């Protein structure tokens, strides 16, 4: 009985896996997400400006308190995402670029 599935040679699977891991390990979310991060920061800036205008105009902070609360949440989320990207880069650096850095020199 003939199978409708075709087998893939092991060399092709290994080659694909190697290319995948090289791509994953050499990428940086800090670089790939720059447009997103910039947009988040601009959005945060706009929210803070709106809250400031509302406070100056009304002299009260009722609606602006909600805007400031949302801005604080957005700021925390963006900060966490950036820190996560930095931590990932540091871990990659430690794991893959420090080979032999801890060798003891007996000379």
N, C-alpha and C. Protein backbone atom coordinates (compact mmCIF):
# COMPACT_ATOMS: atom_id res chain seq x y z
N UNK A 1 0.85 -1.18 0.00
CA UNK A 1 0.00 0.00 0.00
C UNK A 1 0.90 1.24 0.00
N UNK A 2 0.61 2.16 -0.90
CA UNK A 2 1.42 3.36 -1.06
C UNK A 2 0.93 4.44 -0.09
N UNK A 3 1.86 5.05 0.64
CA UNK A 3 1.52 6.11 1.58
C UNK A 3 1.37 7.43 0.84
N UNK A 4 0.41 8.24 1.25
CA UNK A 4 0.23 9.55 0.62
C UNK A 4 1.20 10.59 1.17
N UNK A 5 1.96 10.22 2.20
CA UNK A 5 2.94 11.12 2.78
C UNK A 5 4.32 10.77 2.26
N UNK A 6 5.12 11.78 2.04
CA UNK A 6 6.47 11.60 1.56
C UNK A 6 7.44 11.77 2.72
N UNK A 7 8.44 10.95 2.76
CA UNK A 7 9.43 11.07 3.84
C UNK A 7 10.39 12.21 3.52
N UNK A 8 10.89 12.82 4.57
CA UNK A 8 11.86 13.91 4.42
C UNK A 8 13.21 13.39 4.89
N UNK A 9 14.22 13.55 4.07
CA UNK A 9 15.55 13.07 4.48
C UNK A 9 16.01 13.78 5.76
N UNK A 10 16.68 13.02 6.61
CA UNK A 10 17.15 13.53 7.89
C UNK A 10 18.07 14.73 7.71
N UNK A 11 18.89 14.74 6.65
CA UNK A 11 19.80 15.87 6.43
C UNK A 11 19.02 17.16 6.21
N UNK A 12 17.90 17.07 5.51
CA UNK A 12 17.07 18.26 5.27
C UNK A 12 16.46 18.77 6.57
N UNK A 13 16.03 17.86 7.41
CA UNK A 13 15.45 18.24 8.71
C UNK A 13 16.51 18.91 9.58
N UNK A 14 17.70 18.33 9.62
CA UNK A 14 18.78 18.92 10.42
C UNK A 14 19.19 20.28 9.88
N UNK A 15 19.26 20.42 8.56
CA UNK A 15 19.62 21.70 7.94
C UNK A 15 18.59 22.76 8.29
N UNK A 16 17.31 22.40 8.18
CA UNK A 16 16.24 23.35 8.53
C UNK A 16 16.34 23.73 10.00
N UNK A 17 16.54 22.75 10.88
CA UNK A 17 16.65 23.01 12.32
C UNK A 17 17.81 23.93 12.63
N UNK A 18 18.95 23.70 11.99
CA UNK A 18 20.12 24.55 12.23
C UNK A 18 19.86 25.98 11.79
N UNK A 19 19.25 26.15 10.61
CA UNK A 19 18.93 27.50 10.12
C UNK A 19 17.92 28.18 11.04
N UNK A 20 16.95 27.41 11.52
CA UNK A 20 15.94 27.97 12.43
C UNK A 20 16.60 28.49 13.70
N UNK A 21 17.44 27.69 14.32
CA UNK A 21 18.05 28.09 15.59
C UNK A 21 19.03 29.23 15.42
N UNK A 22 19.75 29.25 14.31
CA UNK A 22 20.65 30.38 14.05
C UNK A 22 19.82 31.66 13.94
N UNK A 23 18.70 31.57 13.24
CA UNK A 23 17.82 32.74 13.10
C UNK A 23 17.25 33.18 14.44
N UNK A 24 16.80 32.24 15.24
CA UNK A 24 16.21 32.56 16.55
C UNK A 24 17.26 33.18 17.47
N UNK A 25 18.42 32.58 17.52
CA UNK A 25 19.45 33.04 18.45
C UNK A 25 20.10 34.35 18.02
N UNK A 26 20.07 34.65 16.73
CA UNK A 26 20.69 35.89 16.27
C UNK A 26 19.70 37.04 16.21
N UNK A 27 18.43 36.78 16.41
CA UNK A 27 17.43 37.86 16.36
C UNK A 27 17.33 38.56 17.71
N UNK A 28 16.80 39.77 17.66
CA UNK A 28 16.61 40.55 18.87
C UNK A 28 15.25 41.22 18.84
N UNK A 29 14.44 40.96 19.84
CA UNK A 29 13.12 41.59 19.88
C UNK A 29 13.24 43.10 20.04
N UNK A 30 14.36 43.56 20.60
CA UNK A 30 14.56 45.00 20.73
C UNK A 30 14.70 45.66 19.36
N UNK A 31 15.27 44.94 18.41
CA UNK A 31 15.44 45.48 17.07
C UNK A 31 14.22 45.23 16.19
N UNK A 32 13.63 44.05 16.34
CA UNK A 32 12.48 43.73 15.47
C UNK A 32 11.21 44.45 15.89
N UNK A 33 11.13 44.90 17.13
CA UNK A 33 9.92 45.56 17.62
C UNK A 33 10.08 47.06 17.79
N UNK A 34 11.06 47.66 17.13
CA UNK A 34 11.30 49.09 17.34
C UNK A 34 10.11 49.95 16.94
N UNK A 35 9.45 49.63 15.84
CA UNK A 35 8.29 50.41 15.42
C UNK A 35 7.16 50.29 16.44
N UNK A 36 6.94 49.09 16.93
CA UNK A 36 5.89 48.86 17.93
C UNK A 36 6.20 49.63 19.22
N UNK A 37 7.44 49.52 19.69
CA UNK A 37 7.84 50.19 20.93
C UNK A 37 7.74 51.71 20.78
N UNK A 38 8.19 52.22 19.65
CA UNK A 38 8.10 53.66 19.39
C UNK A 38 6.64 54.11 19.40
N UNK A 39 5.78 53.33 18.79
CA UNK A 39 4.34 53.64 18.78
C UNK A 39 3.76 53.64 20.18
N UNK A 40 4.18 52.69 21.00
CA UNK A 40 3.71 52.62 22.39
C UNK A 40 4.13 53.87 23.16
N UNK A 41 5.35 54.30 22.97
CA UNK A 41 5.86 55.47 23.69
C UNK A 41 5.15 56.73 23.21
N UNK A 42 4.91 56.85 21.91
CA UNK A 42 4.17 58.00 21.39
C UNK A 42 2.73 58.03 21.93
N UNK A 43 2.10 56.86 22.00
CA UNK A 43 0.75 56.77 22.55
C UNK A 43 0.74 57.19 24.02
N UNK A 44 1.73 56.74 24.76
CA UNK A 44 1.86 57.11 26.17
C UNK A 44 2.04 58.62 26.31
N UNK A 45 2.86 59.20 25.48
CA UNK A 45 3.10 60.64 25.50
C UNK A 45 1.79 61.41 25.24
N UNK A 46 1.02 60.94 24.25
CA UNK A 46 -0.26 61.59 23.95
C UNK A 46 -1.23 61.51 25.12
N UNK A 47 -1.29 60.37 25.78
CA UNK A 47 -2.18 60.22 26.93
C UNK A 47 -1.78 61.16 28.07
N UNK A 48 -0.49 61.30 28.29
CA UNK A 48 -0.03 62.20 29.35
C UNK A 48 -0.35 63.66 29.01
N UNK A 49 -0.17 64.02 27.74
CA UNK A 49 -0.50 65.39 27.32
C UNK A 49 -2.00 65.66 27.46
N UNK A 50 -2.84 64.70 27.10
CA UNK A 50 -4.29 64.86 27.24
C UNK A 50 -4.68 65.04 28.71
N UNK A 51 -4.07 64.27 29.58
CA UNK A 51 -4.35 64.40 31.01
C UNK A 51 -3.93 65.77 31.52
N UNK A 52 -2.77 66.24 31.07
CA UNK A 52 -2.29 67.56 31.49
C UNK A 52 -3.23 68.67 31.02
N UNK A 53 -3.68 68.59 29.78
CA UNK A 53 -4.62 69.59 29.24
C UNK A 53 -5.92 69.58 30.02
N UNK A 54 -6.42 68.40 30.33
CA UNK A 54 -7.67 68.29 31.08
C UNK A 54 -7.54 68.90 32.47
N UNK A 55 -6.44 68.65 33.13
CA UNK A 55 -6.23 69.21 34.47
C UNK A 55 -6.12 70.73 34.40
N UNK A 56 -5.40 71.24 33.43
CA UNK A 56 -5.25 72.69 33.30
C UNK A 56 -6.58 73.36 32.95
N UNK A 57 -7.37 72.71 32.11
CA UNK A 57 -8.62 73.28 31.65
C UNK A 57 -9.70 73.25 32.74
N UNK A 58 -9.83 72.13 33.42
CA UNK A 58 -10.91 71.97 34.39
C UNK A 58 -10.48 72.25 35.82
N UNK A 59 -9.20 72.15 36.08
CA UNK A 59 -8.73 72.33 37.44
C UNK A 59 -9.03 71.11 38.32
N UNK A 60 -9.59 70.09 37.69
CA UNK A 60 -9.90 68.85 38.42
C UNK A 60 -9.21 67.68 37.74
N UNK A 61 -9.13 66.64 38.45
CA UNK A 61 -8.46 65.48 37.90
C UNK A 61 -9.34 64.26 37.74
N UNK A 62 -10.66 64.42 37.67
CA UNK A 62 -11.54 63.26 37.59
C UNK A 62 -11.26 62.39 36.37
N UNK A 63 -11.44 62.97 35.19
CA UNK A 63 -11.17 62.20 33.97
C UNK A 63 -9.69 61.99 33.76
N UNK A 64 -8.90 62.97 34.13
CA UNK A 64 -7.46 62.84 33.92
C UNK A 64 -6.87 61.76 34.83
N UNK A 65 -7.49 61.52 35.99
CA UNK A 65 -7.01 60.44 36.86
C UNK A 65 -7.14 59.10 36.15
N UNK A 66 -8.24 58.91 35.43
CA UNK A 66 -8.41 57.69 34.66
C UNK A 66 -7.37 57.61 33.55
N UNK A 67 -7.13 58.74 32.87
CA UNK A 67 -6.12 58.77 31.82
C UNK A 67 -4.73 58.48 32.38
N UNK A 68 -4.44 59.04 33.55
CA UNK A 68 -3.13 58.81 34.17
C UNK A 68 -2.97 57.36 34.62
N UNK A 69 -4.05 56.77 35.11
CA UNK A 69 -4.01 55.36 35.51
C UNK A 69 -3.72 54.48 34.31
N UNK A 70 -4.41 54.76 33.20
CA UNK A 70 -4.18 53.98 31.97
C UNK A 70 -2.77 54.21 31.44
N UNK A 71 -2.30 55.45 31.51
CA UNK A 71 -0.93 55.75 31.07
C UNK A 71 0.09 55.00 31.92
N UNK A 72 -0.15 54.93 33.23
CA UNK A 72 0.76 54.20 34.12
C UNK A 72 0.78 52.71 33.77
N UNK A 73 -0.39 52.15 33.49
CA UNK A 73 -0.46 50.73 33.09
C UNK A 73 0.30 50.51 31.78
N UNK A 74 0.03 51.38 30.81
CA UNK A 74 0.70 51.25 29.51
C UNK A 74 2.22 51.38 29.66
N UNK A 75 2.63 52.30 30.51
CA UNK A 75 4.06 52.50 30.76
C UNK A 75 4.68 51.24 31.36
N UNK A 76 3.99 50.64 32.30
CA UNK A 76 4.50 49.41 32.93
C UNK A 76 4.62 48.28 31.92
N UNK A 77 3.61 48.12 31.07
CA UNK A 77 3.63 47.06 30.07
C UNK A 77 4.80 47.26 29.10
N UNK A 78 4.95 48.49 28.61
CA UNK A 78 6.05 48.77 27.68
C UNK A 78 7.40 48.54 28.33
N UNK A 79 7.54 48.98 29.57
CA UNK A 79 8.79 48.80 30.30
C UNK A 79 9.12 47.33 30.49
N UNK A 80 8.12 46.54 30.85
CA UNK A 80 8.32 45.10 31.04
C UNK A 80 8.75 44.44 29.73
N UNK A 81 8.12 44.84 28.62
CA UNK A 81 8.50 44.27 27.32
C UNK A 81 9.94 44.61 26.97
N UNK A 82 10.36 45.83 27.24
CA UNK A 82 11.74 46.23 26.94
C UNK A 82 12.72 45.49 27.85
N UNK A 83 12.40 45.38 29.12
CA UNK A 83 13.27 44.65 30.05
C UNK A 83 13.36 43.18 29.65
N UNK A 84 12.25 42.60 29.22
CA UNK A 84 12.26 41.22 28.76
C UNK A 84 13.22 41.05 27.57
N UNK A 85 13.16 41.99 26.62
CA UNK A 85 14.07 41.95 25.48
C UNK A 85 15.53 42.08 25.90
N UNK A 86 15.80 42.97 26.85
CA UNK A 86 17.17 43.13 27.35
C UNK A 86 17.66 41.88 28.07
N UNK A 87 16.81 41.29 28.88
CA UNK A 87 17.19 40.07 29.59
C UNK A 87 17.48 38.94 28.61
N UNK A 88 16.67 38.84 27.57
CA UNK A 88 16.90 37.81 26.56
C UNK A 88 18.25 38.00 25.89
N UNK A 89 18.58 39.24 25.56
CA UNK A 89 19.87 39.52 24.93
C UNK A 89 21.03 39.20 25.87
N UNK A 90 20.88 39.53 27.14
CA UNK A 90 21.94 39.25 28.12
C UNK A 90 22.14 37.75 28.27
N UNK A 91 21.05 37.00 28.32
CA UNK A 91 21.15 35.54 28.45
C UNK A 91 21.83 34.95 27.22
N UNK A 92 21.43 35.39 26.02
CA UNK A 92 22.09 34.91 24.80
C UNK A 92 23.58 35.24 24.82
N UNK A 93 23.90 36.45 25.22
CA UNK A 93 25.30 36.88 25.29
C UNK A 93 26.09 35.97 26.24
N UNK A 94 25.54 35.71 27.39
CA UNK A 94 26.23 34.88 28.39
C UNK A 94 26.39 33.44 27.91
N UNK A 95 25.34 32.92 27.28
CA UNK A 95 25.38 31.52 26.85
C UNK A 95 26.26 31.29 25.63
N UNK A 96 26.22 32.19 24.67
CA UNK A 96 26.83 31.89 23.38
C UNK A 96 28.04 32.73 23.02
N UNK A 97 28.26 33.84 23.66
CA UNK A 97 29.39 34.69 23.29
C UNK A 97 30.48 34.74 24.34
N UNK A 98 30.34 34.02 25.40
CA UNK A 98 31.33 34.04 26.47
C UNK A 98 32.06 32.71 26.56
N UNK A 99 32.08 31.96 25.49
CA UNK A 99 32.73 30.64 25.48
C UNK A 99 34.20 30.80 25.83
N UNK A 100 34.63 30.11 26.83
CA UNK A 100 36.02 30.15 27.23
C UNK A 100 36.41 31.36 28.04
N UNK A 101 35.47 32.24 28.35
CA UNK A 101 35.79 33.45 29.09
C UNK A 101 36.14 33.17 30.54
N UNK A 102 35.68 32.03 31.05
CA UNK A 102 35.91 31.72 32.45
C UNK A 102 37.06 30.72 32.66
N UNK A 103 37.86 30.52 31.62
CA UNK A 103 39.00 29.62 31.76
C UNK A 103 40.03 30.21 32.71
N UNK A 104 40.62 29.35 33.49
CA UNK A 104 41.65 29.78 34.43
C UNK A 104 43.00 29.77 33.72
N UNK A 105 43.70 30.85 33.81
CA UNK A 105 45.03 30.96 33.19
C UNK A 105 46.06 30.59 34.25
N UNK A 106 46.78 29.50 34.02
CA UNK A 106 47.76 29.02 34.99
C UNK A 106 49.16 29.58 34.77
N UNK A 107 49.36 30.45 33.80
CA UNK A 107 50.70 31.00 33.52
C UNK A 107 51.12 32.01 34.53
